[in-house]
Amino acid sequence: LVWNIMGVVPVLQFPVASHIAFPAVLALLIYGLKVYLG
């Protein structure tokens, strides 16, 4: 949520998740946890 909100904060104005590396790493960590738990 904070990553995304950065996109409408004056001066900052950049959503972190608009760079694919950040959501990709987070999604892979979660999916790695899913496989491990399974």
PDB file of all heavy atoms in Angstrom:
ATOM      1  N   LEU A   1       0.831  -1.210   0.000  1.00  0.00           N
ATOM      2  CA  LEU A   1       0.000   0.000   0.000  1.00  0.00           C
ATOM      3  C   LEU A   1       0.866   1.262   0.000  1.00  0.00           C
ATOM      4  O   LEU A   1       0.615   2.194  -0.770  1.00  0.00           O
ATOM      5  CB  LEU A   1      -0.926  -0.005   1.216  1.00  0.00           C
ATOM      6  CG  LEU A   1      -1.867   1.198   1.349  1.00  0.00           C
ATOM      7  CD1 LEU A   1      -2.798   1.291   0.147  1.00  0.00           C
ATOM      8  CD2 LEU A   1      -2.665   1.115   2.640  1.00  0.00           C
ATOM      9  N   VAL A   2       1.888   1.294   0.834  1.00  0.00           N
ATOM     10  CA  VAL A   2       2.772   2.468   0.880  1.00  0.00           C
ATOM     11  C   VAL A   2       3.566   2.578  -0.417  1.00  0.00           C
ATOM     12  O   VAL A   2       3.763   3.684  -0.941  1.00  0.00           O
ATOM     13  CB  VAL A   2       3.707   2.401   2.106  1.00  0.00           C
ATOM     14  CG1 VAL A   2       4.701   3.563   2.087  1.00  0.00           C
ATOM     15  CG2 VAL A   2       2.890   2.451   3.392  1.00  0.00           C
ATOM     16  N   TRP A   3       4.038   1.456  -0.954  1.00  0.00           N
ATOM     17  CA  TRP A   3       4.679   1.477  -2.276  1.00  0.00           C
ATOM     18  C   TRP A   3       3.803   2.207  -3.284  1.00  0.00           C
ATOM     19  O   TRP A   3       4.269   3.057  -4.041  1.00  0.00           O
ATOM     20  CB  TRP A   3       4.888   0.048  -2.788  1.00  0.00           C
ATOM     21  CG  TRP A   3       6.093  -0.655  -2.286  1.00  0.00           C
ATOM     22  CD1 TRP A   3       7.016  -0.197  -1.395  1.00  0.00           C
ATOM     23  CD2 TRP A   3       6.506  -1.969  -2.666  1.00  0.00           C
ATOM     24  NE1 TRP A   3       7.979  -1.147  -1.185  1.00  0.00           N
ATOM     25  CE2 TRP A   3       7.697  -2.228  -1.950  1.00  0.00           C
ATOM     26  CE3 TRP A   3       5.988  -2.937  -3.512  1.00  0.00           C
ATOM     27  CZ2 TRP A   3       8.372  -3.451  -2.085  1.00  0.00           C
ATOM     28  CZ3 TRP A   3       6.664  -4.134  -3.645  1.00  0.00           C
ATOM     29  CH2 TRP A   3       7.845  -4.382  -2.945  1.00  0.00           C
ATOM     30  N   ASN A   4       2.525   1.838  -3.307  1.00  0.00           N
ATOM     31  CA  ASN A   4       1.606   2.402  -4.291  1.00  0.00           C
ATOM     32  C   ASN A   4       1.292   3.869  -4.020  1.00  0.00           C
ATOM     33  O   ASN A   4       1.265   4.692  -4.945  1.00  0.00           O
ATOM     34  CB  ASN A   4       0.309   1.590  -4.313  1.00  0.00           C
ATOM     35  CG  ASN A   4       0.520   0.152  -4.740  1.00  0.00           C
ATOM     36  OD1 ASN A   4       1.565  -0.198  -5.271  1.00  0.00           O
ATOM     37  ND2 ASN A   4      -0.470  -0.688  -4.512  1.00  0.00           N
ATOM     38  N   ILE A   5       1.046   4.191  -2.745  1.00  0.00           N
ATOM     39  CA  ILE A   5       0.672   5.561  -2.381  1.00  0.00           C
ATOM     40  C   ILE A   5       1.780   6.549  -2.713  1.00  0.00           C
ATOM     41  O   ILE A   5       1.521   7.739  -2.950  1.00  0.00           O
ATOM     42  CB  ILE A   5       0.318   5.631  -0.884  1.00  0.00           C
ATOM     43  CG1 ILE A   5      -0.994   4.869  -0.623  1.00  0.00           C
ATOM     44  CG2 ILE A   5       0.176   7.065  -0.400  1.00  0.00           C
ATOM     45  CD1 ILE A   5      -2.208   5.465  -1.301  1.00  0.00           C
ATOM     46  N   MET A   6       3.025   6.081  -2.767  1.00  0.00           N
ATOM     47  CA  MET A   6       4.129   6.965  -3.155  1.00  0.00           C
ATOM     48  C   MET A   6       3.873   7.625  -4.510  1.00  0.00           C
ATOM     49  O   MET A   6       4.413   8.687  -4.808  1.00  0.00           O
ATOM     50  CB  MET A   6       5.447   6.186  -3.203  1.00  0.00           C
ATOM     51  CG  MET A   6       5.978   5.750  -1.863  1.00  0.00           C
ATOM     52  SD  MET A   6       6.544   7.148  -0.875  1.00  0.00           S
ATOM     53  CE  MET A   6       7.142   6.312   0.603  1.00  0.00           C
ATOM     54  N   GLY A   7       3.030   7.007  -5.331  1.00  0.00           N
ATOM     55  CA  GLY A   7       2.761   7.550  -6.649  1.00  0.00           C
ATOM     56  C   GLY A   7       1.942   8.820  -6.651  1.00  0.00           C
ATOM     57  O   GLY A   7       1.922   9.530  -7.663  1.00  0.00           O
ATOM     58  N   VAL A   8       1.235   9.129  -5.563  1.00  0.00           N
ATOM     59  CA  VAL A   8       0.425  10.349  -5.513  1.00  0.00           C
ATOM     60  C   VAL A   8       0.886  11.300  -4.415  1.00  0.00           C
ATOM     61  O   VAL A   8       0.232  12.311  -4.162  1.00  0.00           O
ATOM     62  CB  VAL A   8      -1.075  10.008  -5.313  1.00  0.00           C
ATOM     63  CG1 VAL A   8      -1.613   9.270  -6.524  1.00  0.00           C
ATOM     64  CG2 VAL A   8      -1.300   9.193  -4.042  1.00  0.00           C
ATOM     65  N   VAL A   9       1.995  11.005  -3.768  1.00  0.00           N
ATOM     66  CA  VAL A   9       2.545  11.918  -2.764  1.00  0.00           C
ATOM     67  C   VAL A   9       3.299  13.032  -3.483  1.00  0.00           C
ATOM     68  O   VAL A   9       4.181  12.757  -4.305  1.00  0.00           O
ATOM     69  CB  VAL A   9       3.499  11.179  -1.804  1.00  0.00           C
ATOM     70  CG1 VAL A   9       4.169  12.160  -0.836  1.00  0.00           C
ATOM     71  CG2 VAL A   9       2.729  10.117  -1.017  1.00  0.00           C
ATOM     72  N   PRO A  10       2.953  14.294  -3.247  1.00  0.00           N
ATOM     73  CA  PRO A  10       3.662  15.392  -3.922  1.00  0.00           C
ATOM     74  C   PRO A  10       5.172  15.293  -3.745  1.00  0.00           C
ATOM     75  O   PRO A  10       5.656  14.865  -2.705  1.00  0.00           O
ATOM     76  CB  PRO A  10       3.091  16.642  -3.237  1.00  0.00           C
ATOM     77  CG  PRO A  10       1.738  16.219  -2.752  1.00  0.00           C
ATOM     78  CD  PRO A  10       1.882  14.779  -2.351  1.00  0.00           C
ATOM     79  N   VAL A  11       5.888  15.686  -4.762  1.00  0.00           N
ATOM     80  CA  VAL A  11       7.353  15.654  -4.857  1.00  0.00           C
ATOM     81  C   VAL A  11       7.847  14.233  -5.141  1.00  0.00           C
ATOM     82  O   VAL A  11       8.600  14.019  -6.088  1.00  0.00           O
ATOM     83  CB  VAL A  11       8.046  16.212  -3.597  1.00  0.00           C
ATOM     84  CG1 VAL A  11       9.563  16.113  -3.752  1.00  0.00           C
ATOM     85  CG2 VAL A  11       7.634  17.657  -3.350  1.00  0.00           C
ATOM     86  N   LEU A  12       7.430  13.244  -4.331  1.00  0.00           N
ATOM     87  CA  LEU A  12       7.892  11.871  -4.557  1.00  0.00           C
ATOM     88  C   LEU A  12       7.307  11.334  -5.860  1.00  0.00           C
ATOM     89  O   LEU A  12       8.021  10.986  -6.772  1.00  0.00           O
ATOM     90  CB  LEU A  12       7.503  10.984  -3.377  1.00  0.00           C
ATOM     91  CG  LEU A  12       8.036  11.415  -2.014  1.00  0.00           C
ATOM     92  CD1 LEU A  12       7.572  10.462  -0.922  1.00  0.00           C
ATOM     93  CD2 LEU A  12       9.558  11.504  -2.029  1.00  0.00           C
ATOM     94  N   GLN A  13       6.001  11.223  -5.928  1.00  0.00           N
ATOM     95  CA  GLN A  13       5.249  10.944  -7.154  1.00  0.00           C
ATOM     96  C   GLN A  13       5.838   9.816  -8.003  1.00  0.00           C
ATOM     97  O   GLN A  13       6.071   9.970  -9.198  1.00  0.00           O
ATOM     98  CB  GLN A  13       5.131  12.227  -7.984  1.00  0.00           C
ATOM     99  CG  GLN A  13       4.239  13.264  -7.324  1.00  0.00           C
ATOM    100  CD  GLN A  13       4.148  14.542  -8.110  1.00  0.00           C
ATOM    101  OE1 GLN A  13       5.162  15.108  -8.512  1.00  0.00           O
ATOM    102  NE2 GLN A  13       2.937  15.017  -8.335  1.00  0.00           N
ATOM    103  N   PHE A  14       6.046   8.674  -7.362  1.00  0.00           N
ATOM    104  CA  PHE A  14       6.497   7.498  -8.117  1.00  0.00           C
ATOM    105  C   PHE A  14       6.061   6.246  -7.370  1.00  0.00           C
ATOM    106  O   PHE A  14       6.502   6.004  -6.251  1.00  0.00           O
ATOM    107  CB  PHE A  14       8.017   7.491  -8.283  1.00  0.00           C
ATOM    108  CG  PHE A  14       8.483   6.445  -9.251  1.00  0.00           C
ATOM    109  CD1 PHE A  14       8.616   6.747 -10.597  1.00  0.00           C
ATOM    110  CD2 PHE A  14       8.761   5.150  -8.827  1.00  0.00           C
ATOM    111  CE1 PHE A  14       9.025   5.781 -11.506  1.00  0.00           C
ATOM    112  CE2 PHE A  14       9.167   4.190  -9.724  1.00  0.00           C
ATOM    113  CZ  PHE A  14       9.305   4.499 -11.067  1.00  0.00           C
ATOM    114  N   PRO A  15       5.169   5.432  -7.982  1.00  0.00           N
ATOM    115  CA  PRO A  15       4.760   4.180  -7.330  1.00  0.00           C
ATOM    116  C   PRO A  15       5.855   3.130  -7.459  1.00  0.00           C
ATOM    117  O   PRO A  15       6.248   2.766  -8.575  1.00  0.00           O
ATOM    118  CB  PRO A  15       3.496   3.785  -8.109  1.00  0.00           C
ATOM    119  CG  PRO A  15       3.670   4.415  -9.455  1.00  0.00           C
ATOM    120  CD  PRO A  15       4.478   5.666  -9.253  1.00  0.00           C
ATOM    121  N   VAL A  16       6.357   2.668  -6.346  1.00  0.00           N
ATOM    122  CA  VAL A  16       7.479   1.728  -6.361  1.00  0.00           C
ATOM    123  C   VAL A  16       7.149   0.482  -7.171  1.00  0.00           C
ATOM    124  O   VAL A  16       7.988  -0.044  -7.913  1.00  0.00           O
ATOM    125  CB  VAL A  16       7.862   1.344  -4.911  1.00  0.00           C
ATOM    126  CG1 VAL A  16       8.959   0.282  -4.896  1.00  0.00           C
ATOM    127  CG2 VAL A  16       8.308   2.580  -4.141  1.00  0.00           C
ATOM    128  N   ALA A  17       5.907   0.002  -7.060  1.00  0.00           N
ATOM    129  CA  ALA A  17       5.524  -1.237  -7.747  1.00  0.00           C
ATOM    130  C   ALA A  17       5.434  -1.084  -9.261  1.00  0.00           C
ATOM    131  O   ALA A  17       5.235  -2.072  -9.962  1.00  0.00           O
ATOM    132  CB  ALA A  17       4.192  -1.748  -7.198  1.00  0.00           C
ATOM    133  N   SER A  18       5.592   0.136  -9.792  1.00  0.00           N
ATOM    134  CA  SER A  18       5.598   0.295 -11.248  1.00  0.00           C
ATOM    135  C   SER A  18       6.920  -0.154 -11.853  1.00  0.00           C
ATOM    136  O   SER A  18       7.067  -0.170 -13.076  1.00  0.00           O
ATOM    137  CB  SER A  18       5.330   1.752 -11.624  1.00  0.00           C
ATOM    138  OG  SER A  18       6.379   2.599 -11.196  1.00  0.00           O
ATOM    139  N   HIS A  19       7.902  -0.508 -11.032  1.00  0.00           N
ATOM    140  CA  HIS A  19       9.106  -1.207 -11.475  1.00  0.00           C
ATOM    141  C   HIS A  19       8.909  -2.678 -11.195  1.00  0.00           C
ATOM    142  O   HIS A  19       8.766  -3.082 -10.044  1.00  0.00           O
ATOM    143  CB  HIS A  19      10.352  -0.677 -10.749  1.00  0.00           C
ATOM    144  CG  HIS A  19      11.073   0.383 -11.508  1.00  0.00           C
ATOM    145  ND1 HIS A  19      12.443   0.466 -11.558  1.00  0.00           N
ATOM    146  CD2 HIS A  19      10.630   1.400 -12.280  1.00  0.00           C
ATOM    147  CE1 HIS A  19      12.811   1.494 -12.308  1.00  0.00           C
ATOM    148  NE2 HIS A  19      11.723   2.079 -12.754  1.00  0.00           N
ATOM    149  N   ILE A  20       8.908  -3.511 -12.209  1.00  0.00           N
ATOM    150  CA  ILE A  20       8.536  -4.912 -12.098  1.00  0.00           C
ATOM    151  C   ILE A  20       9.401  -5.668 -11.091  1.00  0.00           C
ATOM    152  O   ILE A  20       8.949  -6.650 -10.490  1.00  0.00           O
ATOM    153  CB  ILE A  20       8.605  -5.594 -13.483  1.00  0.00           C
ATOM    154  CG1 ILE A  20       8.096  -7.038 -13.420  1.00  0.00           C
ATOM    155  CG2 ILE A  20      10.017  -5.527 -14.036  1.00  0.00           C
ATOM    156  CD1 ILE A  20       6.668  -7.182 -12.998  1.00  0.00           C
ATOM    157  N   ALA A  21      10.642  -5.228 -10.867  1.00  0.00           N
ATOM    158  CA  ALA A  21      11.530  -5.965  -9.964  1.00  0.00           C
ATOM    159  C   ALA A  21      10.959  -6.064  -8.556  1.00  0.00           C
ATOM    160  O   ALA A  21      11.084  -7.109  -7.902  1.00  0.00           O
ATOM    161  CB  ALA A  21      12.903  -5.293  -9.916  1.00  0.00           C
ATOM    162  N   PHE A  22      10.313  -5.014  -8.070  1.00  0.00           N
ATOM    163  CA  PHE A  22       9.837  -5.006  -6.680  1.00  0.00           C
ATOM    164  C   PHE A  22       8.668  -5.966  -6.469  1.00  0.00           C
ATOM    165  O   PHE A  22       8.735  -6.830  -5.586  1.00  0.00           O
ATOM    166  CB  PHE A  22       9.486  -3.584  -6.258  1.00  0.00           C
ATOM    167  CG  PHE A  22      10.667  -2.670  -6.230  1.00  0.00           C
ATOM    168  CD1 PHE A  22      10.961  -1.830  -7.296  1.00  0.00           C
ATOM    169  CD2 PHE A  22      11.519  -2.653  -5.126  1.00  0.00           C
ATOM    170  CE1 PHE A  22      12.063  -0.996  -7.273  1.00  0.00           C
ATOM    171  CE2 PHE A  22      12.623  -1.814  -5.094  1.00  0.00           C
ATOM    172  CZ  PHE A  22      12.901  -0.987  -6.170  1.00  0.00           C
ATOM    173  N   PRO A  23       7.569  -5.885  -7.238  1.00  0.00           N
ATOM    174  CA  PRO A  23       6.515  -6.889  -7.052  1.00  0.00           C
ATOM    175  C   PRO A  23       6.963  -8.295  -7.420  1.00  0.00           C
ATOM    176  O   PRO A  23       6.487  -9.273  -6.835  1.00  0.00           O
ATOM    177  CB  PRO A  23       5.379  -6.398  -7.956  1.00  0.00           C
ATOM    178  CG  PRO A  23       6.010  -5.472  -8.926  1.00  0.00           C
ATOM    179  CD  PRO A  23       7.171  -4.851  -8.214  1.00  0.00           C
ATOM    180  N   ALA A  24       7.903  -8.430  -8.374  1.00  0.00           N
ATOM    181  CA  ALA A  24       8.361  -9.761  -8.776  1.00  0.00           C
ATOM    182  C   ALA A  24       9.097 -10.445  -7.629  1.00  0.00           C
ATOM    183  O   ALA A  24       8.855 -11.627  -7.332  1.00  0.00           O
ATOM    184  CB  ALA A  24       9.264  -9.662 -10.000  1.00  0.00           C
ATOM    185  N   VAL A  25       9.992  -9.727  -6.974  1.00  0.00           N
ATOM    186  CA  VAL A  25      10.737 -10.323  -5.849  1.00  0.00           C
ATOM    187  C   VAL A  25       9.787 -10.690  -4.714  1.00  0.00           C
ATOM    188  O   VAL A  25       9.876 -11.778  -4.134  1.00  0.00           O
ATOM    189  CB  VAL A  25      11.830  -9.349  -5.362  1.00  0.00           C
ATOM    190  CG1 VAL A  25      12.410  -9.822  -4.028  1.00  0.00           C
ATOM    191  CG2 VAL A  25      12.932  -9.233  -6.404  1.00  0.00           C
ATOM    192  N   LEU A  26       8.851  -9.808  -4.406  1.00  0.00           N
ATOM    193  CA  LEU A  26       7.910 -10.086  -3.320  1.00  0.00           C
ATOM    194  C   LEU A  26       7.016 -11.274  -3.673  1.00  0.00           C
ATOM    195  O   LEU A  26       6.761 -12.147  -2.822  1.00  0.00           O
ATOM    196  CB  LEU A  26       7.065  -8.842  -3.048  1.00  0.00           C
ATOM    197  CG  LEU A  26       6.256  -8.824  -1.748  1.00  0.00           C
ATOM    198  CD1 LEU A  26       7.152  -9.061  -0.541  1.00  0.00           C
ATOM    199  CD2 LEU A  26       5.524  -7.504  -1.593  1.00  0.00           C
ATOM    200  N   ALA A  27       6.540 -11.344  -4.908  1.00  0.00           N
ATOM    201  CA  ALA A  27       5.699 -12.465  -5.322  1.00  0.00           C
ATOM    202  C   ALA A  27       6.476 -13.779  -5.304  1.00  0.00           C
ATOM    203  O   ALA A  27       5.942 -14.822  -4.894  1.00  0.00           O
ATOM    204  CB  ALA A  27       5.133 -12.207  -6.720  1.00  0.00           C
ATOM    205  N   LEU A  28       7.733 -13.761  -5.721  1.00  0.00           N
ATOM    206  CA  LEU A  28       8.541 -14.982  -5.713  1.00  0.00           C
ATOM    207  C   LEU A  28       8.824 -15.455  -4.291  1.00  0.00           C
ATOM    208  O   LEU A  28       8.832 -16.664  -4.021  1.00  0.00           O
ATOM    209  CB  LEU A  28       9.851 -14.748  -6.465  1.00  0.00           C
ATOM    210  CG  LEU A  28       9.737 -14.678  -7.987  1.00  0.00           C
ATOM    211  CD1 LEU A  28      11.071 -14.291  -8.612  1.00  0.00           C
ATOM    212  CD2 LEU A  28       9.244 -16.001  -8.565  1.00  0.00           C
ATOM    213  N   LEU A  29       9.045 -14.529  -3.374  1.00  0.00           N
ATOM    214  CA  LEU A  29       9.240 -14.915  -1.971  1.00  0.00           C
ATOM    215  C   LEU A  29       7.987 -15.585  -1.404  1.00  0.00           C
ATOM    216  O   LEU A  29       8.077 -16.609  -0.717  1.00  0.00           O
ATOM    217  CB  LEU A  29       9.609 -13.682  -1.135  1.00  0.00           C
ATOM    218  CG  LEU A  29      11.006 -13.103  -1.366  1.00  0.00           C
ATOM    219  CD1 LEU A  29      11.170 -11.792  -0.585  1.00  0.00           C
ATOM    220  CD2 LEU A  29      12.078 -14.096  -0.930  1.00  0.00           C
ATOM    221  N   ILE A  30       6.840 -15.009  -1.707  1.00  0.00           N
ATOM    222  CA  ILE A  30       5.585 -15.591  -1.230  1.00  0.00           C
ATOM    223  C   ILE A  30       5.350 -16.947  -1.877  1.00  0.00           C
ATOM    224  O   ILE A  30       4.933 -17.906  -1.212  1.00  0.00           O
ATOM    225  CB  ILE A  30       4.414 -14.630  -1.516  1.00  0.00           C
ATOM    226  CG1 ILE A  30       4.537 -13.391  -0.629  1.00  0.00           C
ATOM    227  CG2 ILE A  30       3.064 -15.323  -1.294  1.00  0.00           C
ATOM    228  CD1 ILE A  30       3.583 -12.279  -0.983  1.00  0.00           C
ATOM    229  N   TYR A  31       5.650 -17.063  -3.163  1.00  0.00           N
ATOM    230  CA  TYR A  31       5.416 -18.334  -3.826  1.00  0.00           C
ATOM    231  C   TYR A  31       6.414 -19.398  -3.362  1.00  0.00           C
ATOM    232  O   TYR A  31       6.070 -20.570  -3.255  1.00  0.00           O
ATOM    233  CB  TYR A  31       5.482 -18.173  -5.339  1.00  0.00           C
ATOM    234  CG  TYR A  31       4.677 -19.236  -6.027  1.00  0.00           C
ATOM    235  CD1 TYR A  31       3.285 -19.159  -6.048  1.00  0.00           C
ATOM    236  CD2 TYR A  31       5.279 -20.342  -6.607  1.00  0.00           C
ATOM    237  CE1 TYR A  31       2.524 -20.144  -6.647  1.00  0.00           C
ATOM    238  CE2 TYR A  31       4.527 -21.337  -7.210  1.00  0.00           C
ATOM    239  CZ  TYR A  31       3.149 -21.226  -7.217  1.00  0.00           C
ATOM    240  OH  TYR A  31       2.400 -22.213  -7.785  1.00  0.00           O
ATOM    241  N   GLY A  32       7.646 -18.971  -3.075  1.00  0.00           N
ATOM    242  CA  GLY A  32       8.597 -19.906  -2.486  1.00  0.00           C
ATOM    243  C   GLY A  32       8.109 -20.428  -1.139  1.00  0.00           C
ATOM    244  O   GLY A  32       8.255 -21.620  -0.823  1.00  0.00           O
ATOM    245  N   LEU A  33       7.504 -19.552  -0.347  1.00  0.00           N
ATOM    246  CA  LEU A  33       6.922 -19.964   0.931  1.00  0.00           C
ATOM    247  C   LEU A  33       5.774 -20.942   0.706  1.00  0.00           C
ATOM    248  O   LEU A  33       5.627 -21.922   1.439  1.00  0.00           O
ATOM    249  CB  LEU A  33       6.435 -18.730   1.687  1.00  0.00           C
ATOM    250  CG  LEU A  33       5.739 -18.979   3.030  1.00  0.00           C
ATOM    251  CD1 LEU A  33       6.688 -19.640   4.023  1.00  0.00           C
ATOM    252  CD2 LEU A  33       5.205 -17.659   3.604  1.00  0.00           C
ATOM    253  N   LYS A  34       4.955 -20.684  -0.301  1.00  0.00           N
ATOM    254  CA  LYS A  34       3.837 -21.578  -0.633  1.00  0.00           C
ATOM    255  C   LYS A  34       4.341 -22.989  -0.955  1.00  0.00           C
ATOM    256  O   LYS A  34       3.807 -23.986  -0.435  1.00  0.00           O
ATOM    257  CB  LYS A  34       3.049 -21.022  -1.818  1.00  0.00           C
ATOM    258  CG  LYS A  34       2.121 -22.016  -2.503  1.00  0.00           C
ATOM    259  CD  LYS A  34       1.559 -21.436  -3.778  1.00  0.00           C
ATOM    260  CE  LYS A  34       1.001 -22.523  -4.687  1.00  0.00           C
ATOM    261  NZ  LYS A  34      -0.116 -23.265  -4.118  1.00  0.00           N
ATOM    262  N   VAL A  35       5.354 -23.092  -1.806  1.00  0.00           N
ATOM    263  CA  VAL A  35       5.883 -24.399  -2.185  1.00  0.00           C
ATOM    264  C   VAL A  35       6.516 -25.091  -0.977  1.00  0.00           C
ATOM    265  O   VAL A  35       6.312 -26.298  -0.757  1.00  0.00           O
ATOM    266  CB  VAL A  35       6.901 -24.257  -3.333  1.00  0.00           C
ATOM    267  CG1 VAL A  35       7.562 -25.592  -3.641  1.00  0.00           C
ATOM    268  CG2 VAL A  35       6.216 -23.702  -4.583  1.00  0.00           C
ATOM    269  N   TYR A  36       7.265 -24.331  -0.185  1.00  0.00           N
ATOM    270  CA  TYR A  36       7.892 -24.905   1.015  1.00  0.00           C
ATOM    271  C   TYR A  36       6.848 -25.470   1.975  1.00  0.00           C
ATOM    272  O   TYR A  36       6.985 -26.602   2.468  1.00  0.00           O
ATOM    273  CB  TYR A  36       8.735 -23.841   1.714  1.00  0.00           C
ATOM    274  CG  TYR A  36       9.143 -24.215   3.119  1.00  0.00           C
ATOM    275  CD1 TYR A  36      10.169 -25.129   3.350  1.00  0.00           C
ATOM    276  CD2 TYR A  36       8.486 -23.667   4.221  1.00  0.00           C
ATOM    277  CE1 TYR A  36      10.534 -25.491   4.639  1.00  0.00           C
ATOM    278  CE2 TYR A  36       8.849 -24.008   5.513  1.00  0.00           C
ATOM    279  CZ  TYR A  36       9.866 -24.920   5.719  1.00  0.00           C
ATOM    280  OH  TYR A  36      10.228 -25.275   7.001  1.00  0.00           O
ATOM    281  N   LEU A  37       5.794 -24.687   2.230  1.00  0.00           N
ATOM    282  CA  LEU A  37       4.757 -25.148   3.152  1.00  0.00           C
ATOM    283  C   LEU A  37       4.004 -26.343   2.579  1.00  0.00           C
ATOM    284  O   LEU A  37       3.621 -27.261   3.311  1.00  0.00           O
ATOM    285  CB  LEU A  37       3.776 -24.003   3.443  1.00  0.00           C
ATOM    286  CG  LEU A  37       4.321 -22.847   4.285  1.00  0.00           C
ATOM    287  CD1 LEU A  37       3.302 -21.714   4.346  1.00  0.00           C
ATOM    288  CD2 LEU A  37       4.675 -23.312   5.686  1.00  0.00           C
ATOM    289  N   GLY A  38       3.778 -26.341   1.266  1.00  0.00           N
ATOM    290  CA  GLY A  38       3.092 -27.461   0.646  1.00  0.00           C
ATOM    291  C   GLY A  38       3.866 -28.751   0.788  1.00  0.00           C
ATOM    292  O   GLY A  38       3.305 -29.797   1.138  1.00  0.00           O
TER     293      GLY A  38
END
